[in-house]
N, C-alpha and C. Protein backbone atom coordinates (compact mmCIF):
# COMPACT_ATOMS: atom_id res chain seq x y z
N MET A 1 19.60 10.12 -25.19
CA MET A 1 19.17 10.84 -26.38
C MET A 1 20.35 11.17 -27.28
N ARG A 2 21.45 11.59 -26.64
CA ARG A 2 22.64 11.94 -27.41
C ARG A 2 23.19 10.71 -28.14
N ALA A 3 23.16 9.54 -27.49
CA ALA A 3 23.64 8.31 -28.10
C ALA A 3 22.78 7.93 -29.30
N LEU A 4 21.48 8.13 -29.19
CA LEU A 4 20.58 7.83 -30.28
C LEU A 4 20.88 8.73 -31.48
N LEU A 5 21.14 10.00 -31.23
CA LEU A 5 21.49 10.91 -32.33
C LEU A 5 22.80 10.49 -33.00
N TRP A 6 23.78 10.04 -32.19
CA TRP A 6 25.04 9.56 -32.74
C TRP A 6 24.82 8.34 -33.62
N VAL A 7 24.01 7.41 -33.14
CA VAL A 7 23.75 6.19 -33.90
C VAL A 7 23.06 6.53 -35.20
N VAL A 8 22.05 7.40 -35.16
CA VAL A 8 21.34 7.79 -36.38
C VAL A 8 22.30 8.50 -37.33
N GLY A 9 23.15 9.36 -36.80
CA GLY A 9 24.12 10.08 -37.64
C GLY A 9 25.11 9.14 -38.29
N VAL A 10 25.62 8.18 -37.54
CA VAL A 10 26.59 7.23 -38.08
C VAL A 10 25.94 6.34 -39.13
N VAL A 11 24.73 5.87 -38.85
CA VAL A 11 24.03 5.02 -39.82
C VAL A 11 23.75 5.81 -41.10
N ALA A 12 23.33 7.06 -40.96
CA ALA A 12 23.08 7.90 -42.14
C ALA A 12 24.37 8.11 -42.94
N GLY A 13 25.47 8.36 -42.25
CA GLY A 13 26.75 8.53 -42.93
C GLY A 13 27.19 7.27 -43.67
N VAL A 14 27.01 6.13 -43.02
CA VAL A 14 27.37 4.87 -43.65
C VAL A 14 26.52 4.62 -44.89
N LEU A 15 25.22 4.89 -44.79
CA LEU A 15 24.34 4.69 -45.94
C LEU A 15 24.71 5.63 -47.09
N ILE A 16 25.05 6.86 -46.77
CA ILE A 16 25.46 7.81 -47.82
C ILE A 16 26.75 7.32 -48.49
N LEU A 17 27.74 6.92 -47.69
CA LEU A 17 29.00 6.42 -48.26
C LEU A 17 28.78 5.16 -49.08
N LEU A 18 27.92 4.27 -48.59
CA LEU A 18 27.63 3.04 -49.33
C LEU A 18 26.98 3.37 -50.67
N GLY A 19 26.06 4.31 -50.68
CA GLY A 19 25.43 4.74 -51.93
C GLY A 19 26.45 5.32 -52.90
N LEU A 20 27.37 6.14 -52.39
CA LEU A 20 28.40 6.72 -53.26
C LEU A 20 29.32 5.64 -53.82
N VAL A 21 29.71 4.67 -52.98
CA VAL A 21 30.59 3.60 -53.43
C VAL A 21 29.90 2.75 -54.50
N LEU A 22 28.63 2.41 -54.27
CA LEU A 22 27.90 1.61 -55.26
C LEU A 22 27.74 2.36 -56.57
N GLU A 23 27.50 3.66 -56.48
CA GLU A 23 27.39 4.48 -57.70
C GLU A 23 28.73 4.50 -58.44
N ALA A 24 29.82 4.64 -57.69
CA ALA A 24 31.15 4.65 -58.30
C ALA A 24 31.45 3.31 -58.96
N VAL A 25 31.08 2.22 -58.29
CA VAL A 25 31.33 0.88 -58.86
C VAL A 25 30.55 0.72 -60.15
N ARG A 26 29.32 1.22 -60.17
CA ARG A 26 28.51 1.10 -61.39
C ARG A 26 29.15 1.88 -62.54
N TRP A 27 29.61 3.09 -62.25
CA TRP A 27 30.25 3.88 -63.31
C TRP A 27 31.56 3.25 -63.75
N LEU A 28 32.32 2.70 -62.82
CA LEU A 28 33.57 2.03 -63.19
C LEU A 28 33.29 0.81 -64.06
N ALA A 29 32.23 0.09 -63.77
CA ALA A 29 31.86 -1.07 -64.59
C ALA A 29 31.49 -0.62 -66.00
N ILE A 30 30.74 0.48 -66.10
CA ILE A 30 30.35 0.99 -67.43
C ILE A 30 31.58 1.43 -68.20
N ILE A 31 32.48 2.15 -67.54
CA ILE A 31 33.71 2.61 -68.20
C ILE A 31 34.56 1.42 -68.61
N GLY A 32 34.63 0.40 -67.76
CA GLY A 32 35.39 -0.81 -68.09
C GLY A 32 34.82 -1.52 -69.30
N LEU A 33 33.50 -1.61 -69.39
CA LEU A 33 32.88 -2.25 -70.56
C LEU A 33 33.17 -1.46 -71.83
N ILE A 34 33.11 -0.15 -71.74
CA ILE A 34 33.41 0.69 -72.92
C ILE A 34 34.86 0.47 -73.34
N ALA A 35 35.77 0.42 -72.38
CA ALA A 35 37.18 0.20 -72.70
C ALA A 35 37.38 -1.19 -73.31
N LEU A 36 36.67 -2.20 -72.81
CA LEU A 36 36.79 -3.54 -73.36
C LEU A 36 36.32 -3.58 -74.81
N VAL A 37 35.20 -2.94 -75.09
CA VAL A 37 34.70 -2.89 -76.46
C VAL A 37 35.70 -2.17 -77.36
N ALA A 38 36.28 -1.08 -76.88
CA ALA A 38 37.26 -0.33 -77.67
C ALA A 38 38.48 -1.20 -77.98
N VAL A 39 38.95 -1.97 -77.01
CA VAL A 39 40.11 -2.84 -77.22
C VAL A 39 39.79 -3.92 -78.25
N ILE A 40 38.59 -4.49 -78.17
CA ILE A 40 38.21 -5.53 -79.13
C ILE A 40 38.14 -4.94 -80.54
N VAL A 41 37.55 -3.77 -80.68
CA VAL A 41 37.45 -3.13 -82.00
C VAL A 41 38.84 -2.83 -82.54
N LEU A 42 39.73 -2.29 -81.71
CA LEU A 42 41.09 -1.99 -82.16
C LEU A 42 41.83 -3.27 -82.56
N ALA A 43 41.63 -4.35 -81.82
CA ALA A 43 42.29 -5.61 -82.15
C ALA A 43 41.81 -6.13 -83.50
N VAL A 44 40.51 -6.04 -83.77
CA VAL A 44 39.99 -6.49 -85.06
C VAL A 44 40.55 -5.64 -86.19
N VAL A 45 40.57 -4.32 -86.00
CA VAL A 45 41.09 -3.43 -87.05
C VAL A 45 42.56 -3.71 -87.31
N LYS A 46 43.35 -3.82 -86.24
CA LYS A 46 44.79 -4.08 -86.41
C LYS A 46 45.02 -5.45 -87.05
N GLY A 47 44.22 -6.45 -86.68
CA GLY A 47 44.35 -7.77 -87.27
C GLY A 47 44.06 -7.74 -88.76
N ARG A 48 43.02 -7.03 -89.16
CA ARG A 48 42.70 -6.93 -90.59
C ARG A 48 43.80 -6.19 -91.34
N GLN A 49 44.36 -5.15 -90.72
CA GLN A 49 45.45 -4.43 -91.38
C GLN A 49 46.66 -5.34 -91.56
N ALA A 50 46.97 -6.16 -90.57
CA ALA A 50 48.11 -7.06 -90.67
C ALA A 50 47.88 -8.10 -91.76
N ILE A 51 46.66 -8.63 -91.84
CA ILE A 51 46.35 -9.62 -92.87
C ILE A 51 46.45 -8.99 -94.26
N ASN A 52 45.91 -7.79 -94.42
CA ASN A 52 45.99 -7.10 -95.71
C ASN A 52 47.44 -6.80 -96.09
N HIS A 53 48.26 -6.44 -95.10
CA HIS A 53 49.66 -6.14 -95.36
C HIS A 53 50.39 -7.40 -95.83
N GLN A 54 50.08 -8.54 -95.23
CA GLN A 54 50.71 -9.80 -95.64
C GLN A 54 50.28 -10.19 -97.04
N MET A 55 49.04 -9.97 -97.38
CA MET A 55 48.51 -10.32 -98.70
C MET A 55 49.19 -9.49 -99.79
N ARG A 56 49.45 -8.22 -99.48
CA ARG A 56 50.08 -7.33 -100.46
C ARG A 56 51.52 -7.74 -100.72
N GLN A 57 52.21 -8.28 -99.70
CA GLN A 57 53.61 -8.66 -99.87
C GLN A 57 53.76 -9.90 -100.73
N ARG A 58 52.77 -10.76 -100.80
CA ARG A 58 52.88 -12.01 -101.56
C ARG A 58 52.69 -11.80 -103.00
């Protein structure tokens, strides 16, 4: 009986940890996508500023 309780406890702990890890991975993926979009937007803005700066010098 004691071994069965240990097995159930360990399985429950593993499932809880797995759920937390999967939740963390999902949030990290969302944060990564937001950061990627921010980098792309900044690159476009900086590129346009550089092009405008070159046009003004000519």
